[in-house]
């Protein structure tokens, strides 16, 4: 999300770190494959039978700020009550002293807790390298570990760079090829999501110079409806016409800051556009920060089973929309 890298949360880090990932829950283990394998054909995501697949779901917030929600109980609740078909485990990479580069095992614990539970609950999961900056060697090490752990498990998708900010497409492309090579050396088939410059809005640049030589690659587009309107849809239409497969791995209905009122009309325009093009989407985010895009109030239990008064307006909008698709 635009400008999230500027958040100053120093007074909160110590408090949230005490909660830990999976707090109060038993550890889950990687399960057996429970869903059809996905592949990319043209601009479409498909299953083994050749049917077009459109996944809809929700993203967890940065793991280091909200580790209390990274557990098997919330995964089960989001899958069963909300009807989420895909969950995104957003591992914060390089924002603060509690992020992955300083505390890698804590990040891996959060991600694997959600991923293992998603497998058990028969939903897809995106393992998200939630960074705004290039960190090639750290990413290669992380995705080597993840691809080894989840090799052959069709539930798992890999998002290898959340939102490039200052890097050019040439730089992001070179980085992406290296990470794709790393994953493909272990996991030949899993769908890999590639970020694009300027908070995943410059998808037209990838359309003009796409990655070649690899299959099952999609490119991510992020939007916040009160900021990103028809101009970004037209940019995405251009990419689709050039054969670029798109996955909306982060989206919401307010401004790109994550705050301000919901723009319901523009959110519906985006929903209609994604449905028309059979594009999967993931809404941001399972968190309880004092902002519009955090779906929960602080009263929300760490274990799920949330009541109506635990949900902010945005949480209710997303939950209702997902339930209608069940």
C-alpha atoms as a PDB file:
ATOM      1  CA  UNK A   1       0.000   0.000   0.000  1.00  0.00           C
ATOM      2  CA  UNK A   2       1.313   3.415  -0.955  1.00  0.00           C
ATOM      3  CA  UNK A   3       3.427   5.078   1.734  1.00  0.00           C
ATOM      4  CA  UNK A   4       3.031   2.262   4.252  1.00  0.00           C
ATOM      5  CA  UNK A   5       6.827   2.077   4.398  1.00  0.00           C
ATOM      6  CA  UNK A   6       6.752   5.457   6.185  1.00  0.00           C
ATOM      7  CA  UNK A   7       4.658   4.236   9.112  1.00  0.00           C
ATOM      8  CA  UNK A   8       6.174   5.028  12.477  1.00  0.00           C
ATOM      9  CA  UNK A   9       5.110   2.314  14.883  1.00  0.00           C
ATOM     10  CA  UNK A  10       8.050   2.178  17.247  1.00  0.00           C
ATOM     11  CA  UNK A  11       5.847   2.432  20.354  1.00  0.00           C
ATOM     12  CA  UNK A  12       3.809  -0.596  19.287  1.00  0.00           C
ATOM     13  CA  UNK A  13       6.451  -3.112  18.169  1.00  0.00           C
ATOM     14  CA  UNK A  14       7.267  -4.411  21.602  1.00  0.00           C
ATOM     15  CA  UNK A  15       3.602  -4.929  22.479  1.00  0.00           C
ATOM     16  CA  UNK A  16       2.650  -6.859  19.360  1.00  0.00           C
ATOM     17  CA  UNK A  17       5.804  -8.955  19.479  1.00  0.00           C
ATOM     18  CA  UNK A  18       4.644 -10.386  22.778  1.00  0.00           C
ATOM     19  CA  UNK A  19       1.583 -11.916  21.141  1.00  0.00           C
ATOM     20  CA  UNK A  20       3.502 -13.940  18.562  1.00  0.00           C
ATOM     21  CA  UNK A  21       2.258 -15.890  15.592  1.00  0.00           C
ATOM     22  CA  UNK A  22      -0.073 -18.755  16.393  1.00  0.00           C
ATOM     23  CA  UNK A  23      -0.455 -17.560  19.981  1.00  0.00           C
ATOM     24  CA  UNK A  24      -2.973 -19.718  21.777  1.00  0.00           C
ATOM     25  CA  UNK A  25      -3.214 -22.273  18.988  1.00  0.00           C
ATOM     26  CA  UNK A  26      -1.589 -25.593  18.297  1.00  0.00           C
ATOM     27  CA  UNK A  27       0.994 -25.654  15.532  1.00  0.00           C
ATOM     28  CA  UNK A  28      -0.253 -26.958  12.227  1.00  0.00           C
ATOM     29  CA  UNK A  29       1.790 -29.069   9.857  1.00  0.00           C
ATOM     30  CA  UNK A  30       1.915 -29.038   6.066  1.00  0.00           C
ATOM     31  CA  UNK A  31      -0.948 -31.170   4.813  1.00  0.00           C
ATOM     32  CA  UNK A  32      -1.427 -33.278   1.739  1.00  0.00           C
ATOM     33  CA  UNK A  33      -2.464 -31.555  -1.492  1.00  0.00           C
ATOM     34  CA  UNK A  34      -6.154 -30.770  -1.185  1.00  0.00           C
ATOM     35  CA  UNK A  35      -6.985 -28.514  -4.126  1.00  0.00           C
ATOM     36  CA  UNK A  36      -6.585 -28.609  -7.908  1.00  0.00           C
ATOM     37  CA  UNK A  37      -3.256 -27.392  -9.183  1.00  0.00           C
ATOM     38  CA  UNK A  38      -3.414 -23.995 -10.870  1.00  0.00           C
ATOM     39  CA  UNK A  39      -1.764 -22.913 -14.093  1.00  0.00           C
ATOM     40  CA  UNK A  40      -1.725 -19.849 -16.315  1.00  0.00           C
ATOM     41  CA  UNK A  41      -3.054 -20.052 -19.870  1.00  0.00           C
ATOM     42  CA  UNK A  42      -2.927 -16.779 -21.772  1.00  0.00           C
ATOM     43  CA  UNK A  43      -4.320 -14.183 -19.394  1.00  0.00           C
ATOM     44  CA  UNK A  44      -6.339 -16.679 -17.384  1.00  0.00           C
ATOM     45  CA  UNK A  45      -5.759 -18.658 -14.214  1.00  0.00           C
ATOM     46  CA  UNK A  46      -7.002 -22.219 -14.730  1.00  0.00           C
ATOM     47  CA  UNK A  47      -7.349 -25.557 -12.981  1.00  0.00           C
ATOM     48  CA  UNK A  48      -6.218 -28.953 -14.227  1.00  0.00           C
ATOM     49  CA  UNK A  49      -9.531 -29.466 -16.041  1.00  0.00           C
ATOM     50  CA  UNK A  50      -8.978 -26.327 -18.086  1.00  0.00           C
ATOM     51  CA  UNK A  51     -11.655 -24.306 -16.304  1.00  0.00           C
ATOM     52  CA  UNK A  52     -11.056 -20.622 -15.604  1.00  0.00           C
ATOM     53  CA  UNK A  53     -10.458 -19.977 -11.895  1.00  0.00           C
ATOM     54  CA  UNK A  54     -11.210 -16.688 -10.131  1.00  0.00           C
ATOM     55  CA  UNK A  55      -9.992 -16.563  -6.541  1.00  0.00           C
ATOM     56  CA  UNK A  56     -11.343 -14.026  -4.056  1.00  0.00           C
ATOM     57  CA  UNK A  57     -10.036 -13.530  -0.571  1.00  0.00           C
ATOM     58  CA  UNK A  58      -8.309 -11.389   2.023  1.00  0.00           C
ATOM     59  CA  UNK A  59      -4.789 -10.398   2.975  1.00  0.00           C
ATOM     60  CA  UNK A  60      -3.375 -10.431   6.463  1.00  0.00           C
ATOM     61  CA  UNK A  61      -1.652  -7.198   7.493  1.00  0.00           C
ATOM     62  CA  UNK A  62       2.107  -6.927   8.011  1.00  0.00           C
ATOM     63  CA  UNK A  63       3.103  -9.894  10.163  1.00  0.00           C
ATOM     64  CA  UNK A  64       5.269  -7.926  12.583  1.00  0.00           C
ATOM     65  CA  UNK A  65       2.451  -5.528  13.496  1.00  0.00           C
ATOM     66  CA  UNK A  66      -0.383  -8.062  13.767  1.00  0.00           C
ATOM     67  CA  UNK A  67       1.144 -11.447  14.577  1.00  0.00           C
ATOM     68  CA  UNK A  68      -1.826 -12.195  16.841  1.00  0.00           C
ATOM     69  CA  UNK A  69      -3.983 -12.886  13.790  1.00  0.00           C
ATOM     70  CA  UNK A  70      -1.488 -15.252  12.137  1.00  0.00           C
ATOM     71  CA  UNK A  71      -2.897 -18.519  13.421  1.00  0.00           C
ATOM     72  CA  UNK A  72      -4.921 -21.525  12.342  1.00  0.00           C
ATOM     73  CA  UNK A  73      -8.113 -20.304  14.020  1.00  0.00           C
ATOM     74  CA  UNK A  74      -8.377 -17.105  11.973  1.00  0.00           C
ATOM     75  CA  UNK A  75      -7.607 -19.044   8.800  1.00  0.00           C
ATOM     76  CA  UNK A  76     -10.473 -21.438   9.521  1.00  0.00           C
ATOM     77  CA  UNK A  77     -12.834 -18.543  10.279  1.00  0.00           C
ATOM     78  CA  UNK A  78     -11.960 -16.627   7.121  1.00  0.00           C
ATOM     79  CA  UNK A  79     -12.319 -19.752   5.002  1.00  0.00           C
ATOM     80  CA  UNK A  80     -15.508 -21.088   6.555  1.00  0.00           C
ATOM     81  CA  UNK A  81     -17.441 -18.009   7.692  1.00  0.00           C
ATOM     82  CA  UNK A  82     -16.245 -15.359   5.255  1.00  0.00           C
ATOM     83  CA  UNK A  83     -15.911 -17.729   2.312  1.00  0.00           C
ATOM     84  CA  UNK A  84     -12.383 -16.661   1.391  1.00  0.00           C
ATOM     85  CA  UNK A  85     -10.921 -18.855  -1.342  1.00  0.00           C
ATOM     86  CA  UNK A  86      -7.419 -17.447  -0.995  1.00  0.00           C
ATOM     87  CA  UNK A  87      -5.497 -15.896   1.889  1.00  0.00           C
ATOM     88  CA  UNK A  88      -2.375 -13.766   1.638  1.00  0.00           C
ATOM     89  CA  UNK A  89       0.299 -14.031   4.315  1.00  0.00           C
ATOM     90  CA  UNK A  90       2.047 -10.649   4.153  1.00  0.00           C
ATOM     91  CA  UNK A  91       5.476 -11.071   5.673  1.00  0.00           C
ATOM     92  CA  UNK A  92       6.939  -7.640   6.367  1.00  0.00           C
ATOM     93  CA  UNK A  93      10.501  -7.724   5.072  1.00  0.00           C
ATOM     94  CA  UNK A  94      12.378  -4.521   5.812  1.00  0.00           C
ATOM     95  CA  UNK A  95      10.311  -1.860   7.557  1.00  0.00           C
ATOM     96  CA  UNK A  96      11.411  -2.000  11.196  1.00  0.00           C
ATOM     97  CA  UNK A  97      13.361  -3.876  13.846  1.00  0.00           C
ATOM     98  CA  UNK A  98      10.767  -6.663  14.046  1.00  0.00           C
ATOM     99  CA  UNK A  99      10.725  -7.379  10.308  1.00  0.00           C
ATOM    100  CA  UNK A 100      12.073 -10.424   8.499  1.00  0.00           C
ATOM    101  CA  UNK A 101      15.599  -9.186   7.819  1.00  0.00           C
ATOM    102  CA  UNK A 102      16.180  -8.786  11.577  1.00  0.00           C
ATOM    103  CA  UNK A 103      13.965 -11.601  12.869  1.00  0.00           C
ATOM    104  CA  UNK A 104      13.624 -14.115  10.037  1.00  0.00           C
ATOM    105  CA  UNK A 105      12.412 -17.056  12.096  1.00  0.00           C
ATOM    106  CA  UNK A 106       9.501 -15.031  13.491  1.00  0.00           C
ATOM    107  CA  UNK A 107       8.479 -14.115   9.953  1.00  0.00           C
ATOM    108  CA  UNK A 108       8.706 -17.690   8.759  1.00  0.00           C
ATOM    109  CA  UNK A 109       6.675 -18.874  11.734  1.00  0.00           C
ATOM    110  CA  UNK A 110       3.860 -16.464  10.890  1.00  0.00           C
ATOM    111  CA  UNK A 111       3.830 -17.339   7.199  1.00  0.00           C
ATOM    112  CA  UNK A 112       3.933 -21.096   7.695  1.00  0.00           C
ATOM    113  CA  UNK A 113       1.250 -20.972  10.384  1.00  0.00           C
ATOM    114  CA  UNK A 114      -1.142 -19.383   7.896  1.00  0.00           C
ATOM    115  CA  UNK A 115      -0.007 -21.481   4.929  1.00  0.00           C
ATOM    116  CA  UNK A 116      -0.289 -24.796   6.771  1.00  0.00           C
ATOM    117  CA  UNK A 117      -3.741 -23.881   8.051  1.00  0.00           C
ATOM    118  CA  UNK A 118      -4.857 -22.793   4.577  1.00  0.00           C
ATOM    119  CA  UNK A 119      -3.843 -26.192   3.235  1.00  0.00           C
ATOM    120  CA  UNK A 120      -5.759 -27.896   6.040  1.00  0.00           C
ATOM    121  CA  UNK A 121      -8.839 -25.756   5.285  1.00  0.00           C
ATOM    122  CA  UNK A 122      -8.634 -26.411   1.530  1.00  0.00           C
ATOM    123  CA  UNK A 123      -8.044 -22.823   0.426  1.00  0.00           C
ATOM    124  CA  UNK A 124      -5.226 -21.272  -1.557  1.00  0.00           C
ATOM    125  CA  UNK A 125      -2.535 -19.177   0.094  1.00  0.00           C
ATOM    126  CA  UNK A 126      -0.183 -16.507  -1.228  1.00  0.00           C
ATOM    127  CA  UNK A 127       3.217 -16.355   0.441  1.00  0.00           C
ATOM    128  CA  UNK A 128       3.922 -12.652   0.083  1.00  0.00           C
ATOM    129  CA  UNK A 129       7.409 -11.087   0.272  1.00  0.00           C
ATOM    130  CA  UNK A 130       5.917  -7.849   1.592  1.00  0.00           C
ATOM    131  CA  UNK A 131       8.637  -5.364   0.731  1.00  0.00           C
ATOM    132  CA  UNK A 132       9.014  -2.047  -1.049  1.00  0.00           C
ATOM    133  CA  UNK A 133      12.719  -2.481  -1.803  1.00  0.00           C
ATOM    134  CA  UNK A 134      14.926  -4.959  -3.660  1.00  0.00           C
ATOM    135  CA  UNK A 135      16.553  -7.530  -1.352  1.00  0.00           C
ATOM    136  CA  UNK A 136      17.711 -10.197  -3.755  1.00  0.00           C
ATOM    137  CA  UNK A 137      19.829 -12.464  -1.540  1.00  0.00           C
ATOM    138  CA  UNK A 138      17.409 -12.470   1.388  1.00  0.00           C
ATOM    139  CA  UNK A 139      14.536 -13.230  -0.998  1.00  0.00           C
ATOM    140  CA  UNK A 140      16.416 -16.108  -2.621  1.00  0.00           C
ATOM    141  CA  UNK A 141      17.078 -17.674   0.754  1.00  0.00           C
ATOM    142  CA  UNK A 142      13.465 -17.217   1.895  1.00  0.00           C
ATOM    143  CA  UNK A 143      11.875 -18.628  -1.239  1.00  0.00           C
ATOM    144  CA  UNK A 144      14.307 -21.549  -1.252  1.00  0.00           C
ATOM    145  CA  UNK A 145      12.999 -22.447   2.198  1.00  0.00           C
ATOM    146  CA  UNK A 146       9.355 -21.945   1.240  1.00  0.00           C
ATOM    147  CA  UNK A 147       9.561 -23.843  -2.053  1.00  0.00           C
ATOM    148  CA  UNK A 148      11.306 -26.724  -0.300  1.00  0.00           C
ATOM    149  CA  UNK A 149       8.674 -26.869   2.426  1.00  0.00           C
ATOM    150  CA  UNK A 150       5.699 -26.669   0.033  1.00  0.00           C
ATOM    151  CA  UNK A 151       7.053 -28.440  -3.034  1.00  0.00           C
ATOM    152  CA  UNK A 152       4.207 -30.107  -4.904  1.00  0.00           C
ATOM    153  CA  UNK A 153       1.468 -28.532  -2.752  1.00  0.00           C
ATOM    154  CA  UNK A 154      -0.966 -26.892  -5.197  1.00  0.00           C
ATOM    155  CA  UNK A 155      -2.505 -24.583  -2.572  1.00  0.00           C
ATOM    156  CA  UNK A 156       0.581 -22.334  -2.504  1.00  0.00           C
ATOM    157  CA  UNK A 157       1.278 -19.308  -4.701  1.00  0.00           C
ATOM    158  CA  UNK A 158       4.410 -17.166  -4.374  1.00  0.00           C
ATOM    159  CA  UNK A 159       4.336 -13.359  -4.509  1.00  0.00           C
ATOM    160  CA  UNK A 160       7.980 -12.434  -4.903  1.00  0.00           C
ATOM    161  CA  UNK A 161       7.903  -8.630  -4.524  1.00  0.00           C
ATOM    162  CA  UNK A 162       4.897  -6.919  -2.960  1.00  0.00           C
ATOM    163  CA  UNK A 163       5.168  -3.339  -4.171  1.00  0.00           C
ATOM    164  CA  UNK A 164       8.270  -1.944  -5.850  1.00  0.00           C
ATOM    165  CA  UNK A 165       8.421   1.802  -5.233  1.00  0.00           C
ATOM    166  CA  UNK A 166      11.596   3.410  -6.589  1.00  0.00           C
ATOM    167  CA  UNK A 167      12.951   0.581  -8.753  1.00  0.00           C
ATOM    168  CA  UNK A 168      12.627   0.619 -12.527  1.00  0.00           C
ATOM    169  CA  UNK A 169      10.944  -2.213 -14.393  1.00  0.00           C
ATOM    170  CA  UNK A 170      14.344  -3.269 -15.702  1.00  0.00           C
ATOM    171  CA  UNK A 171      15.590  -3.653 -12.124  1.00  0.00           C
ATOM    172  CA  UNK A 172      12.438  -5.411 -10.934  1.00  0.00           C
ATOM    173  CA  UNK A 173      12.473  -7.696 -13.968  1.00  0.00           C
ATOM    174  CA  UNK A 174      16.088  -8.760 -13.383  1.00  0.00           C
ATOM    175  CA  UNK A 175      15.370  -9.404  -9.705  1.00  0.00           C
ATOM    176  CA  UNK A 176      12.209 -11.343 -10.551  1.00  0.00           C
ATOM    177  CA  UNK A 177      14.018 -13.606 -13.001  1.00  0.00           C
ATOM    178  CA  UNK A 178      16.542 -14.499 -10.289  1.00  0.00           C
ATOM    179  CA  UNK A 179      13.817 -15.338  -7.751  1.00  0.00           C
ATOM    180  CA  UNK A 180      11.808 -17.280 -10.328  1.00  0.00           C
ATOM    181  CA  UNK A 181      14.918 -19.327 -11.154  1.00  0.00           C
ATOM    182  CA  UNK A 182      15.390 -20.018  -7.454  1.00  0.00           C
ATOM    183  CA  UNK A 183      11.822 -21.260  -6.999  1.00  0.00           C
ATOM    184  CA  UNK A 184      11.734 -23.213 -10.260  1.00  0.00           C
ATOM    185  CA  UNK A 185      14.886 -25.118  -9.300  1.00  0.00           C
ATOM    186  CA  UNK A 186      12.765 -26.695  -6.547  1.00  0.00           C
ATOM    187  CA  UNK A 187       9.122 -26.177  -7.485  1.00  0.00           C
ATOM    188  CA  UNK A 188       8.526 -26.385 -11.243  1.00  0.00           C
ATOM    189  CA  UNK A 189       4.821 -25.630 -11.387  1.00  0.00           C
ATOM    190  CA  UNK A 190       3.526 -23.257  -8.692  1.00  0.00           C
ATOM    191  CA  UNK A 191       2.027 -19.943  -9.808  1.00  0.00           C
ATOM    192  CA  UNK A 192       4.401 -17.022  -9.201  1.00  0.00           C
ATOM    193  CA  UNK A 193       3.169 -13.436  -8.860  1.00  0.00           C
ATOM    194  CA  UNK A 194       5.509 -10.699 -10.093  1.00  0.00           C
ATOM    195  CA  UNK A 195       5.333  -7.109  -8.829  1.00  0.00           C
ATOM    196  CA  UNK A 196       5.487  -4.046 -11.067  1.00  0.00           C
ATOM    197  CA  UNK A 197       6.851  -0.548 -10.384  1.00  0.00           C
ATOM    198  CA  UNK A 198       5.129   2.306  -8.570  1.00  0.00           C
ATOM    199  CA  UNK A 199       3.179   0.252  -6.036  1.00  0.00           C
ATOM    200  CA  UNK A 200       2.103  -2.268  -8.704  1.00  0.00           C
ATOM    201  CA  UNK A 201       0.472   0.324 -10.936  1.00  0.00           C
ATOM    202  CA  UNK A 202       2.958   0.428 -13.840  1.00  0.00           C
ATOM    203  CA  UNK A 203       1.790  -2.861 -15.280  1.00  0.00           C
ATOM    204  CA  UNK A 204       1.961  -1.363 -18.783  1.00  0.00           C
ATOM    205  CA  UNK A 205       5.757  -1.386 -18.475  1.00  0.00           C
ATOM    206  CA  UNK A 206       5.742  -5.130 -17.875  1.00  0.00           C
ATOM    207  CA  UNK A 207       3.379  -5.525 -20.819  1.00  0.00           C
ATOM    208  CA  UNK A 208       5.918  -3.857 -23.089  1.00  0.00           C
ATOM    209  CA  UNK A 209       8.803  -6.008 -21.838  1.00  0.00           C
ATOM    210  CA  UNK A 210       7.490  -9.180 -20.176  1.00  0.00           C
ATOM    211  CA  UNK A 211       9.506 -11.943 -18.571  1.00  0.00           C
ATOM    212  CA  UNK A 212      10.065 -14.776 -21.032  1.00  0.00           C
ATOM    213  CA  UNK A 213      11.136 -18.391 -20.723  1.00  0.00           C
ATOM    214  CA  UNK A 214       8.919 -19.289 -17.765  1.00  0.00           C
ATOM    215  CA  UNK A 215       5.353 -20.507 -17.428  1.00  0.00           C
ATOM    216  CA  UNK A 216       2.762 -19.955 -14.696  1.00  0.00           C
ATOM    217  CA  UNK A 217       3.760 -16.340 -14.157  1.00  0.00           C
ATOM    218  CA  UNK A 218       1.239 -13.569 -13.412  1.00  0.00           C
ATOM    219  CA  UNK A 219       1.749  -9.856 -12.782  1.00  0.00           C
ATOM    220  CA  UNK A 220       0.262  -8.053  -9.809  1.00  0.00           C
ATOM    221  CA  UNK A 221      -1.920  -4.963  -9.951  1.00  0.00           C
ATOM    222  CA  UNK A 222      -2.836  -3.105  -6.747  1.00  0.00           C
ATOM    223  CA  UNK A 223      -5.559  -0.503  -6.442  1.00  0.00           C
ATOM    224  CA  UNK A 224      -7.299   1.611  -3.816  1.00  0.00           C
ATOM    225  CA  UNK A 225     -10.605   2.628  -5.320  1.00  0.00           C
ATOM    226  CA  UNK A 226     -10.807   6.207  -4.019  1.00  0.00           C
ATOM    227  CA  UNK A 227      -7.401   6.963  -5.585  1.00  0.00           C
ATOM    228  CA  UNK A 228      -7.089   4.642  -8.579  1.00  0.00           C
ATOM    229  CA  UNK A 229      -9.887   4.849 -11.100  1.00  0.00           C
ATOM    230  CA  UNK A 230     -10.559   4.431 -14.791  1.00  0.00           C
ATOM    231  CA  UNK A 231      -7.025   5.469 -15.796  1.00  0.00           C
ATOM    232  CA  UNK A 232      -5.574   2.428 -14.029  1.00  0.00           C
ATOM    233  CA  UNK A 233      -8.198   0.096 -15.471  1.00  0.00           C
ATOM    234  CA  UNK A 234      -7.305   1.383 -18.935  1.00  0.00           C
ATOM    235  CA  UNK A 235      -3.641   0.708 -18.194  1.00  0.00           C
ATOM    236  CA  UNK A 236      -4.555  -2.824 -17.119  1.00  0.00           C
ATOM    237  CA  UNK A 237      -6.724  -3.274 -20.229  1.00  0.00           C
ATOM    238  CA  UNK A 238      -3.668  -2.426 -22.310  1.00  0.00           C
ATOM    239  CA  UNK A 239      -1.676  -5.121 -20.511  1.00  0.00           C
ATOM    240  CA  UNK A 240      -4.431  -7.686 -21.016  1.00  0.00           C
ATOM    241  CA  UNK A 241      -4.602  -6.903 -24.737  1.00  0.00           C
ATOM    242  CA  UNK A 242      -0.881  -7.625 -24.915  1.00  0.00           C
ATOM    243  CA  UNK A 243      -1.418 -11.000 -23.250  1.00  0.00           C
ATOM    244  CA  UNK A 244      -0.269 -10.138 -19.731  1.00  0.00           C
ATOM    245  CA  UNK A 245      -2.046 -12.213 -17.027  1.00  0.00           C
ATOM    246  CA  UNK A 246      -3.084 -10.065 -14.056  1.00  0.00           C
ATOM    247  CA  UNK A 247      -3.676 -10.981 -10.417  1.00  0.00           C
ATOM    248  CA  UNK A 248      -4.944  -8.250  -8.057  1.00  0.00           C
ATOM    249  CA  UNK A 249      -3.110  -9.354  -4.924  1.00  0.00           C
ATOM    250  CA  UNK A 250      -4.035  -6.245  -2.916  1.00  0.00           C
ATOM    251  CA  UNK A 251      -7.005  -3.901  -3.182  1.00  0.00           C
ATOM    252  CA  UNK A 252      -9.404  -1.846  -1.109  1.00  0.00           C
ATOM    253  CA  UNK A 253     -12.163   0.726  -1.386  1.00  0.00           C
ATOM    254  CA  UNK A 254     -10.609   3.841   0.165  1.00  0.00           C
ATOM    255  CA  UNK A 255      -7.649   6.099  -0.639  1.00  0.00           C
ATOM    256  CA  UNK A 256      -4.178   4.704  -1.274  1.00  0.00           C
ATOM    257  CA  UNK A 257      -3.145   5.957   2.164  1.00  0.00           C
ATOM    258  CA  UNK A 258      -5.456   3.286   3.577  1.00  0.00           C
ATOM    259  CA  UNK A 259      -7.646   5.931   5.154  1.00  0.00           C
ATOM    260  CA  UNK A 260     -10.582   8.148   4.303  1.00  0.00           C
ATOM    261  CA  UNK A 261     -14.139   7.144   3.370  1.00  0.00           C
ATOM    262  CA  UNK A 262     -14.978   4.213   1.137  1.00  0.00           C
ATOM    263  CA  UNK A 263     -15.735   5.056  -2.469  1.00  0.00           C
ATOM    264  CA  UNK A 264     -18.478   2.491  -2.947  1.00  0.00           C
ATOM    265  CA  UNK A 265     -19.225   3.429  -6.546  1.00  0.00           C
ATOM    266  CA  UNK A 266     -15.604   3.112  -7.648  1.00  0.00           C
ATOM    267  CA  UNK A 267     -15.177  -0.113  -5.663  1.00  0.00           C
ATOM    268  CA  UNK A 268     -18.141  -1.540  -7.593  1.00  0.00           C
ATOM    269  CA  UNK A 269     -16.571  -0.377 -10.857  1.00  0.00           C
ATOM    270  CA  UNK A 270     -13.470  -2.354  -9.973  1.00  0.00           C
ATOM    271  CA  UNK A 271     -15.483  -5.420  -8.958  1.00  0.00           C
ATOM    272  CA  UNK A 272     -17.345  -5.295 -12.275  1.00  0.00           C
ATOM    273  CA  UNK A 273     -14.075  -4.915 -14.181  1.00  0.00           C
ATOM    274  CA  UNK A 274     -12.433  -7.852 -12.397  1.00  0.00           C
ATOM    275  CA  UNK A 275     -15.480 -10.042 -12.937  1.00  0.00           C
ATOM    276  CA  UNK A 276     -15.598  -9.119 -16.611  1.00  0.00           C
ATOM    277  CA  UNK A 277     -11.988 -10.154 -17.091  1.00  0.00           C
ATOM    278  CA  UNK A 278     -12.058 -13.140 -14.682  1.00  0.00           C
ATOM    279  CA  UNK A 279      -9.357 -11.616 -12.486  1.00  0.00           C
ATOM    280  CA  UNK A 280      -8.645 -12.881  -8.975  1.00  0.00           C
ATOM    281  CA  UNK A 281      -8.464 -10.379  -6.116  1.00  0.00           C
ATOM    282  CA  UNK A 282      -7.395 -10.145  -2.488  1.00  0.00           C
ATOM    283  CA  UNK A 283      -8.661  -7.388  -0.177  1.00  0.00           C
ATOM    284  CA  UNK A 284      -6.433  -5.600   2.354  1.00  0.00           C
ATOM    285  CA  UNK A 285      -6.328  -6.290   5.370  1.00  0.00           C
ATOM    286  CA  UNK A 286      -6.835  -8.441   8.473  1.00  0.00           C
ATOM    287  CA  UNK A 287      -5.546  -5.966  11.065  1.00  0.00           C
ATOM    288  CA  UNK A 288      -6.851  -3.602  13.732  1.00  0.00           C
ATOM    289  CA  UNK A 289      -5.005  -0.336  13.116  1.00  0.00           C
ATOM    290  CA  UNK A 290      -6.977   2.906  13.457  1.00  0.00           C
ATOM    291  CA  UNK A 291      -7.493   3.310   9.712  1.00  0.00           C
ATOM    292  CA  UNK A 292     -10.198   2.555   7.190  1.00  0.00           C
ATOM    293  CA  UNK A 293      -8.491  -0.356   5.442  1.00  0.00           C
ATOM    294  CA  UNK A 294      -7.901  -2.356   8.636  1.00  0.00           C
ATOM    295  CA  UNK A 295     -10.970  -4.571   8.712  1.00  0.00           C
ATOM    296  CA  UNK A 296     -11.139  -5.153  12.467  1.00  0.00           C
ATOM    297  CA  UNK A 297     -11.520  -3.173  15.661  1.00  0.00           C
ATOM    298  CA  UNK A 298      -9.104  -3.899  18.527  1.00  0.00           C
ATOM    299  CA  UNK A 299     -11.979  -5.771  20.205  1.00  0.00           C
ATOM    300  CA  UNK A 300     -11.658  -8.550  17.598  1.00  0.00           C
ATOM    301  CA  UNK A 301     -10.423 -11.819  19.026  1.00  0.00           C
ATOM    302  CA  UNK A 302      -7.046 -13.127  17.935  1.00  0.00           C
ATOM    303  CA  UNK A 303      -8.783 -16.444  17.200  1.00  0.00           C
ATOM    304  CA  UNK A 304     -11.441 -15.350  14.694  1.00  0.00           C
ATOM    305  CA  UNK A 305     -15.142 -15.911  15.461  1.00  0.00           C
ATOM    306  CA  UNK A 306     -15.635 -12.177  14.982  1.00  0.00           C
ATOM    307  CA  UNK A 307     -19.011 -10.590  15.648  1.00  0.00           C
ATOM    308  CA  UNK A 308     -20.559  -7.787  13.610  1.00  0.00           C
ATOM    309  CA  UNK A 309     -19.425  -5.146  16.074  1.00  0.00           C
ATOM    310  CA  UNK A 310     -15.822  -6.378  15.730  1.00  0.00           C
ATOM    311  CA  UNK A 311     -15.853  -5.477  12.024  1.00  0.00           C
ATOM    312  CA  UNK A 312     -15.285  -2.024  10.623  1.00  0.00           C
ATOM    313  CA  UNK A 313     -17.318  -0.933   7.611  1.00  0.00           C
ATOM    314  CA  UNK A 314     -14.657  -2.205   5.218  1.00  0.00           C
ATOM    315  CA  UNK A 315     -14.521  -5.579   6.950  1.00  0.00           C
ATOM    316  CA  UNK A 316     -18.293  -5.930   6.617  1.00  0.00           C
ATOM    317  CA  UNK A 317     -18.188  -4.966   2.935  1.00  0.00           C
ATOM    318  CA  UNK A 318     -15.526  -7.560   2.156  1.00  0.00           C
ATOM    319  CA  UNK A 319     -17.125 -10.310   4.249  1.00  0.00           C
ATOM    320  CA  UNK A 320     -20.531  -9.757   2.625  1.00  0.00           C
ATOM    321  CA  UNK A 321     -19.014  -9.751  -0.835  1.00  0.00           C
ATOM    322  CA  UNK A 322     -17.118 -12.979  -0.252  1.00  0.00           C
ATOM    323  CA  UNK A 323     -20.112 -14.712   1.264  1.00  0.00           C
ATOM    324  CA  UNK A 324     -22.190 -13.844  -1.800  1.00  0.00           C
ATOM    325  CA  UNK A 325     -19.637 -15.686  -3.934  1.00  0.00           C
ATOM    326  CA  UNK A 326     -19.733 -18.888  -1.848  1.00  0.00           C
END
